[in-house]
PDB file of N, CA and C in Angstrom:
ATOM      1  N   MET A   1      72.653 139.420  94.854  1.00  0.00           N
ATOM      2  CA  MET A   1      72.799 139.089  93.454  1.00  0.00           C
ATOM      3  C   MET A   1      73.415 137.698  93.354  1.00  0.00           C
ATOM      4  N   THR A   2      72.828 136.893  92.489  1.00  0.00           N
ATOM      5  CA  THR A   2      73.365 135.553  92.273  1.00  0.00           C
ATOM      6  C   THR A   2      74.401 135.584  91.142  1.00  0.00           C
ATOM      7  N   PRO A   3      75.204 134.544  91.042  1.00  0.00           N
ATOM      8  CA  PRO A   3      76.137 134.470  89.913  1.00  0.00           C
ATOM      9  C   PRO A   3      75.419 134.533  88.559  1.00  0.00           C
ATOM     10  N   LEU A   4      74.265 133.879  88.444  1.00  0.00           N
ATOM     11  CA  LEU A   4      73.522 133.916  87.177  1.00  0.00           C
ATOM     12  C   LEU A   4      73.010 135.309  86.864  1.00  0.00           C
ATOM     13  N   GLN A   5      72.557 136.023  87.868  1.00  0.00           N
ATOM     14  CA  GLN A   5      72.099 137.398  87.660  1.00  0.00           C
ATOM     15  C   GLN A   5      73.257 138.283  87.210  1.00  0.00           C
ATOM     16  N   CYS A   6      74.397 138.090  87.814  1.00  0.00           N
ATOM     17  CA  CYS A   6      75.582 138.863  87.447  1.00  0.00           C
ATOM     18  C   CYS A   6      75.950 138.607  85.990  1.00  0.00           C
ATOM     19  N   LYS A   7      76.005 137.352  85.617  1.00  0.00           N
ATOM     20  CA  LYS A   7      76.367 137.005  84.243  1.00  0.00           C
ATOM     21  C   LYS A   7      75.338 137.533  83.253  1.00  0.00           C
ATOM     22  N   ALA A   8      74.055 137.398  83.575  1.00  0.00           N
ATOM     23  CA  ALA A   8      73.009 137.872  82.671  1.00  0.00           C
ATOM     24  C   ALA A   8      73.088 139.383  82.493  1.00  0.00           C
ATOM     25  N   ALA A   9      73.290 140.108  83.574  1.00  0.00           N
ATOM     26  CA  ALA A   9      73.401 141.567  83.486  1.00  0.00           C
ATOM     27  C   ALA A   9      74.618 141.963  82.665  1.00  0.00           C
ATOM     28  N   ARG A  10      75.725 141.292  82.901  1.00  0.00           N
ATOM     29  CA  ARG A  10      76.949 141.591  82.147  1.00  0.00           C
ATOM     30  C   ARG A  10      76.747 141.343  80.662  1.00  0.00           C
ATOM     31  N   GLN A  11      76.105 140.235  80.328  1.00  0.00           N
ATOM     32  CA  GLN A  11      75.877 139.901  78.925  1.00  0.00           C
ATOM     33  C   GLN A  11      74.909 140.879  78.264  1.00  0.00           C
ATOM     34  N   ARG A  12      73.897 141.327  78.994  1.00  0.00           N
ATOM     35  CA  ARG A  12      72.964 142.328  78.441  1.00  0.00           C
ATOM     36  C   ARG A  12      73.680 143.596  78.042  1.00  0.00           C
ATOM     37  N   LEU A  13      74.705 143.922  78.813  1.00  0.00           N
ATOM     38  CA  LEU A  13      75.475 145.126  78.519  1.00  0.00           C
ATOM     39  C   LEU A  13      76.548 144.894  77.460  1.00  0.00           C
ATOM     40  N   GLY A  14      76.737 143.633  77.084  1.00  0.00           N
ATOM     41  CA  GLY A  14      77.769 143.314  76.103  1.00  0.00           C
ATOM     42  C   GLY A  14      79.172 143.429  76.668  1.00  0.00           C
ATOM     43  N   TRP A  15      79.290 143.273  77.973  1.00  0.00           N
ATOM     44  CA  TRP A  15      80.584 143.387  78.632  1.00  0.00           C
ATOM     45  C   TRP A  15      81.232 142.025  78.796  1.00  0.00           C
ATOM     46  N   SER A  16      82.519 141.996  78.671  1.00  0.00           N
ATOM     47  CA  SER A  16      83.302 140.812  79.030  1.00  0.00           C
ATOM     48  C   SER A  16      83.480 140.802  80.547  1.00  0.00           C
ATOM     49  N   ILE A  17      83.966 139.699  81.056  1.00  0.00           N
ATOM     50  CA  ILE A  17      84.289 139.646  82.486  1.00  0.00           C
ATOM     51  C   ILE A  17      85.333 140.712  82.804  1.00  0.00           C
ATOM     52  N   GLU A  18      86.278 140.898  81.926  1.00  0.00           N
ATOM     53  CA  GLU A  18      87.329 141.887  82.143  1.00  0.00           C
ATOM     54  C   GLU A  18      86.754 143.301  82.217  1.00  0.00           C
ATOM     55  N   GLU A  19      85.777 143.596  81.337  1.00  0.00           N
ATOM     56  CA  GLU A  19      85.154 144.924  81.349  1.00  0.00           C
ATOM     57  C   GLU A  19      84.407 145.162  82.655  1.00  0.00           C
ATOM     58  N   LEU A  20      83.624 144.184  83.087  1.00  0.00           N
ATOM     59  CA  LEU A  20      82.912 144.325  84.352  1.00  0.00           C
ATOM     60  C   LEU A  20      83.903 144.504  85.499  1.00  0.00           C
ATOM     61  N   ALA A  21      84.929 143.701  85.518  1.00  0.00           N
ATOM     62  CA  ALA A  21      85.931 143.798  86.579  1.00  0.00           C
ATOM     63  C   ALA A  21      86.559 145.197  86.598  1.00  0.00           C
ATOM     64  N   HIS A  22      86.878 145.721  85.432  1.00  0.00           N
ATOM     65  CA  HIS A  22      87.460 147.060  85.336  1.00  0.00           C
ATOM     66  C   HIS A  22      86.498 148.110  85.892  1.00  0.00           C
ATOM     67  N   ARG A  23      85.236 148.034  85.484  1.00  0.00           N
ATOM     68  CA  ARG A  23      84.243 149.011  85.930  1.00  0.00           C
ATOM     69  C   ARG A  23      83.931 148.875  87.421  1.00  0.00           C
ATOM     70  N   ALA A  24      84.045 147.666  87.949  1.00  0.00           N
ATOM     71  CA  ALA A  24      83.780 147.421  89.369  1.00  0.00           C
ATOM     72  C   ALA A  24      85.037 147.583  90.228  1.00  0.00           C
ATOM     73  N   LEU A  25      86.150 147.863  89.585  1.00  0.00           N
ATOM     74  CA  LEU A  25      87.433 148.009  90.280  1.00  0.00           C
ATOM     75  C   LEU A  25      87.811 146.748  91.040  1.00  0.00           C
ATOM     76  N   ARG A  26      87.608 145.607  90.388  1.00  0.00           N
ATOM     77  CA  ARG A  26      87.925 144.296  90.949  1.00  0.00           C
ATOM     78  C   ARG A  26      88.732 143.511  89.927  1.00  0.00           C
ATOM     79  N   SER A  27      89.329 142.417  90.343  1.00  0.00           N
ATOM     80  CA  SER A  27      90.088 141.596  89.401  1.00  0.00           C
ATOM     81  C   SER A  27      89.136 140.724  88.589  1.00  0.00           C
ATOM     82  N   HIS A  28      89.551 140.414  87.367  1.00  0.00           N
ATOM     83  CA  HIS A  28      88.709 139.557  86.524  1.00  0.00           C
ATOM     84  C   HIS A  28      88.619 138.151  87.109  1.00  0.00           C
ATOM     85  N   THR A  29      89.623 137.745  87.865  1.00  0.00           N
ATOM     86  CA  THR A  29      89.588 136.428  88.510  1.00  0.00           C
ATOM     87  C   THR A  29      88.454 136.360  89.530  1.00  0.00           C
ATOM     88  N   VAL A  30      88.328 137.394  90.341  1.00  0.00           N
ATOM     89  CA  VAL A  30      87.272 137.428  91.359  1.00  0.00           C
ATOM     90  C   VAL A  30      85.898 137.404  90.697  1.00  0.00           C
ATOM     91  N   VAL A  31      85.716 138.214  89.662  1.00  0.00           N
ATOM     92  CA  VAL A  31      84.427 138.270  88.970  1.00  0.00           C
ATOM     93  C   VAL A  31      84.128 136.935  88.295  1.00  0.00           C
ATOM     94  N   GLY A  32      85.095 136.365  87.619  1.00  0.00           N
ATOM     95  CA  GLY A  32      84.908 135.091  86.937  1.00  0.00           C
ATOM     96  C   GLY A  32      84.591 133.954  87.886  1.00  0.00           C
ATOM     97  N   GLU A  33      85.305 133.897  88.992  1.00  0.00           N
ATOM     98  CA  GLU A  33      85.043 132.837  89.974  1.00  0.00           C
ATOM     99  C   GLU A  33      83.651 132.982  90.588  1.00  0.00           C
ATOM    100  N   PHE A  34      83.224 134.219  90.807  1.00  0.00           N
ATOM    101  CA  PHE A  34      81.869 134.436  91.329  1.00  0.00           C
ATOM    102  C   PHE A  34      80.831 133.974  90.312  1.00  0.00           C
ATOM    103  N   GLU A  35      80.966 134.400  89.058  1.00  0.00           N
ATOM    104  CA  GLU A  35      79.998 134.017  88.029  1.00  0.00           C
ATOM    105  C   GLU A  35      79.922 132.508  87.827  1.00  0.00           C
ATOM    106  N   ARG A  36      81.045 131.838  87.944  1.00  0.00           N
ATOM    107  CA  ARG A  36      81.061 130.385  87.755  1.00  0.00           C
ATOM    108  C   ARG A  36      80.677 129.624  89.022  1.00  0.00           C
ATOM    109  N   GLY A  37      80.425 130.341  90.107  1.00  0.00           N
ATOM    110  CA  GLY A  37      80.036 129.707  91.350  1.00  0.00           C
ATOM    111  C   GLY A  37      81.187 129.031  92.073  1.00  0.00           C
ATOM    112  N   LYS A  38      82.403 129.391  91.702  1.00  0.00           N
ATOM    113  CA  LYS A  38      83.586 128.788  92.331  1.00  0.00           C
ATOM    114  C   LYS A  38      83.836 129.353  93.725  1.00  0.00           C
ATOM    115  N   LYS A  39      83.580 130.668  93.886  1.00  0.00           N
ATOM    116  CA  LYS A  39      83.797 131.327  95.171  1.00  0.00           C
ATOM    117  C   LYS A  39      82.682 132.338  95.383  1.00  0.00           C
ATOM    118  N   PRO A  40      82.175 132.411  96.610  1.00  0.00           N
ATOM    119  CA  PRO A  40      81.173 133.440  96.881  1.00  0.00           C
ATOM    120  C   PRO A  40      81.838 134.816  96.885  1.00  0.00           C
ATOM    121  N   ALA A  41      81.077 135.815  96.533  1.00  0.00           N
ATOM    122  CA  ALA A  41      81.603 137.181  96.537  1.00  0.00           C
ATOM    123  C   ALA A  41      81.407 137.789  97.916  1.00  0.00           C
ATOM    124  N   SER A  42      82.372 138.559  98.338  1.00  0.00           N
ATOM    125  CA  SER A  42      82.253 139.276  99.610  1.00  0.00           C
ATOM    126  C   SER A  42      81.231 140.393  99.451  1.00  0.00           C
ATOM    127  N   ALA A  43      80.812 140.948 100.562  1.00  0.00           N
ATOM    128  CA  ALA A  43      79.870 142.071 100.530  1.00  0.00           C
ATOM    129  C   ALA A  43      80.465 143.243  99.758  1.00  0.00           C
ATOM    130  N   ALA A  44      81.756 143.470  99.903  1.00  0.00           N
ATOM    131  CA  ALA A  44      82.407 144.579  99.195  1.00  0.00           C
ATOM    132  C   ALA A  44      82.420 144.347  97.693  1.00  0.00           C
ATOM    133  N   VAL A  45      82.675 143.118  97.268  1.00  0.00           N
ATOM    134  CA  VAL A  45      82.669 142.799  95.837  1.00  0.00           C
ATOM    135  C   VAL A  45      81.264 142.956  95.276  1.00  0.00           C
ATOM    136  N   LEU A  46      80.272 142.439  95.983  1.00  0.00           N
ATOM    137  CA  LEU A  46      78.891 142.578  95.517  1.00  0.00           C
ATOM    138  C   LEU A  46      78.497 144.044  95.395  1.00  0.00           C
ATOM    139  N   ALA A  47      78.895 144.856  96.345  1.00  0.00           N
ATOM    140  CA  ALA A  47      78.587 146.287  96.280  1.00  0.00           C
ATOM    141  C   ALA A  47      79.236 146.926  95.052  1.00  0.00           C
ATOM    142  N   SER A  48      80.462 146.529  94.747  1.00  0.00           N
ATOM    143  CA  SER A  48      81.160 147.062  93.572  1.00  0.00           C
ATOM    144  C   SER A  48      80.472 146.644  92.277  1.00  0.00           C
ATOM    145  N   LEU A  49      80.043 145.395  92.225  1.00  0.00           N
ATOM    146  CA  LEU A  49      79.341 144.916  91.028  1.00  0.00           C
ATOM    147  C   LEU A  49      78.007 145.645  90.859  1.00  0.00           C
ATOM    148  N   ARG A  50      77.258 145.779  91.949  1.00  0.00           N
ATOM    149  CA  ARG A  50      75.979 146.495  91.889  1.00  0.00           C
ATOM    150  C   ARG A  50      76.178 147.927  91.393  1.00  0.00           C
ATOM    151  N   ARG A  51      77.202 148.588  91.909  1.00  0.00           N
ATOM    152  CA  ARG A  51      77.488 149.967  91.511  1.00  0.00           C
ATOM    153  C   ARG A  51      77.806 150.046  90.029  1.00  0.00           C
ATOM    154  N   ALA A  52      78.645 149.138  89.548  1.00  0.00           N
ATOM    155  CA  ALA A  52      79.017 149.150  88.123  1.00  0.00           C
ATOM    156  C   ALA A  52      77.783 148.950  87.242  1.00  0.00           C
ATOM    157  N   PHE A  53      76.929 148.007  87.613  1.00  0.00           N
ATOM    158  CA  PHE A  53      75.716 147.786  86.843  1.00  0.00           C
ATOM    159  C   PHE A  53      74.779 148.983  86.930  1.00  0.00           C
ATOM    160  N   ALA A  54      74.624 149.541  88.113  1.00  0.00           N
ATOM    161  CA  ALA A  54      73.725 150.689  88.286  1.00  0.00           C
ATOM    162  C   ALA A  54      74.184 151.873  87.446  1.00  0.00           C
ATOM    163  N   GLU A  55      75.482 152.103  87.389  1.00  0.00           N
ATOM    164  CA  GLU A  55      76.008 153.199  86.578  1.00  0.00           C
ATOM    165  C   GLU A  55      75.708 153.003  85.096  1.00  0.00           C
ATOM    166  N   ALA A  56      75.514 151.741  84.691  1.00  0.00           N
ATOM    167  CA  ALA A  56      75.182 151.428  83.303  1.00  0.00           C
ATOM    168  C   ALA A  56      73.674 151.300  83.096  1.00  0.00           C
ATOM    169  N   GLY A  57      72.898 151.529  84.155  1.00  0.00           N
ATOM    170  CA  GLY A  57      71.446 151.499  84.044  1.00  0.00           C
ATOM    171  C   GLY A  57      70.810 150.137  84.160  1.00  0.00           C
ATOM    172  N   VAL A  58      71.515 149.188  84.773  1.00  0.00           N
ATOM    173  CA  VAL A  58      70.984 147.834  84.916  1.00  0.00           C
ATOM    174  C   VAL A  58      70.907 147.458  86.395  1.00  0.00           C
ATOM    175  N   ASN A  59      69.765 146.914  86.786  1.00  0.00           N
ATOM    176  CA  ASN A  59      69.595 146.368  88.131  1.00  0.00           C
ATOM    177  C   ASN A  59      69.681 144.855  88.001  1.00  0.00           C
ATOM    178  N   ALA A  60      70.842 144.306  88.263  1.00  0.00           N
ATOM    179  CA  ALA A  60      71.063 142.867  88.095  1.00  0.00           C
ATOM    180  C   ALA A  60      70.134 142.044  88.965  1.00  0.00           C
ATOM    181  N   GLU A  61      69.777 142.563  90.106  1.00  0.00           N
ATOM    182  CA  GLU A  61      68.928 141.796  91.020  1.00  0.00           C
ATOM    183  C   GLU A  61      67.473 141.747  90.576  1.00  0.00           C
ATOM    184  N   ALA A  62      67.106 142.517  89.565  1.00  0.00           N
ATOM    185  CA  ALA A  62      65.753 142.450  89.013  1.00  0.00           C
ATOM    186  C   ALA A  62      65.621 141.318  87.999  1.00  0.00           C
ATOM    187  N   ILE A  63      66.739 140.726  87.620  1.00  0.00           N
ATOM    188  CA  ILE A  63      66.729 139.600  86.693  1.00  0.00           C
ATOM    189  C   ILE A  63      66.382 138.351  87.497  1.00  0.00           C
ATOM    190  N   PRO A  64      65.393 137.575  87.066  1.00  0.00           N
ATOM    191  CA  PRO A  64      65.066 136.363  87.821  1.00  0.00           C
ATOM    192  C   PRO A  64      66.302 135.489  88.007  1.00  0.00           C
ATOM    193  N   ALA A  65      66.511 135.032  89.214  1.00  0.00           N
ATOM    194  CA  ALA A  65      67.709 134.270  89.560  1.00  0.00           C
ATOM    195  C   ALA A  65      67.817 132.959  88.808  1.00  0.00           C
ATOM    196  N   ASP A  66      66.675 132.410  88.379  1.00  0.00           N
ATOM    197  CA  ASP A  66      66.711 131.117  87.704  1.00  0.00           C
ATOM    198  C   ASP A  66      66.751 131.223  86.192  1.00  0.00           C
ATOM    199  N   ASP A  67      66.575 132.426  85.651  1.00  0.00           N
ATOM    200  CA  ASP A  67      66.558 132.582  84.198  1.00  0.00           C
ATOM    201  C   ASP A  67      67.006 133.982  83.835  1.00  0.00           C
ATOM    202  N   GLY A  68      68.252 134.116  83.458  1.00  0.00           N
ATOM    203  CA  GLY A  68      68.799 135.415  83.130  1.00  0.00           C
ATOM    204  C   GLY A  68      68.269 136.013  81.852  1.00  0.00           C
ATOM    205  N   ASN A  69      67.388 135.338  81.126  1.00  0.00           N
ATOM    206  CA  ASN A  69      66.870 135.856  79.868  1.00  0.00           C
ATOM    207  C   ASN A  69      65.528 136.553  80.010  1.00  0.00           C
ATOM    208  N   GLU A  70      64.931 136.519  81.195  1.00  0.00           N
ATOM    209  CA  GLU A  70      63.608 137.119  81.405  1.00  0.00           C
ATOM    210  C   GLU A  70      63.730 138.478  82.067  1.00  0.00           C
ATOM    211  N   ALA A  71      62.656 139.214  82.008  1.00  0.00           N
ATOM    212  CA  ALA A  71      62.495 140.480  82.729  1.00  0.00           C
ATOM    213  C   ALA A  71      63.513 141.549  82.359  1.00  0.00           C
ATOM    214  N   GLU A  72      63.837 141.633  81.106  1.00  0.00           N
ATOM    215  CA  GLU A  72      64.794 142.650  80.685  1.00  0.00           C
ATOM    216  C   GLU A  72      64.284 144.051  80.981  1.00  0.00           C
ATOM    217  N   ASP A  73      62.991 144.293  80.748  1.00  0.00           N
ATOM    218  CA  ASP A  73      62.443 145.610  81.029  1.00  0.00           C
ATOM    219  C   ASP A  73      62.582 145.973  82.497  1.00  0.00           C
ATOM    220  N   ALA A  74      62.406 145.020  83.377  1.00  0.00           N
ATOM    221  CA  ALA A  74      62.515 145.273  84.805  1.00  0.00           C
ATOM    222  C   ALA A  74      63.966 145.552  85.204  1.00  0.00           C
ATOM    223  N   ALA A  75      64.899 144.931  84.519  1.00  0.00           N
ATOM    224  CA  ALA A  75      66.306 145.053  84.889  1.00  0.00           C
ATOM    225  C   ALA A  75      66.952 146.309  84.330  1.00  0.00           C
ATOM    226  N   CYS A  76      66.461 146.805  83.223  1.00  0.00           N
ATOM    227  CA  CYS A  76      67.083 147.945  82.554  1.00  0.00           C
ATOM    228  C   CYS A  76      66.264 149.198  82.777  1.00  0.00           C
ATOM    229  N   SER A  77      66.927 150.241  83.235  1.00  0.00           N
ATOM    230  CA  SER A  77      66.207 151.495  83.490  1.00  0.00           C
ATOM    231  C   SER A  77      66.438 152.499  82.384  1.00  0.00           C
ATOM    232  N   ARG A  78      67.131 152.107  81.339  1.00  0.00           N
ATOM    233  CA  ARG A  78      67.360 153.074  80.265  1.00  0.00           C
ATOM    234  C   ARG A  78      66.439 152.834  79.115  1.00  0.00           C
TER     235      ARG A  78
END
């Protein structure tokens, strides 16, 4: 998952960075730095983010990496 995919998925769900961090059991600093491209996410952080999105019915990695506004049907399973 890229930072843009993460941000696009979060925005589709109407979640703040804090909400995503809470659902992923991570700090909002880690999530924010990943989304802004300041720091790469570890494998454990990425797994937590994927899980949080999956529980909400969104596959963030189905969102095109270069355009978070496309393929909503592909990204959302609900």
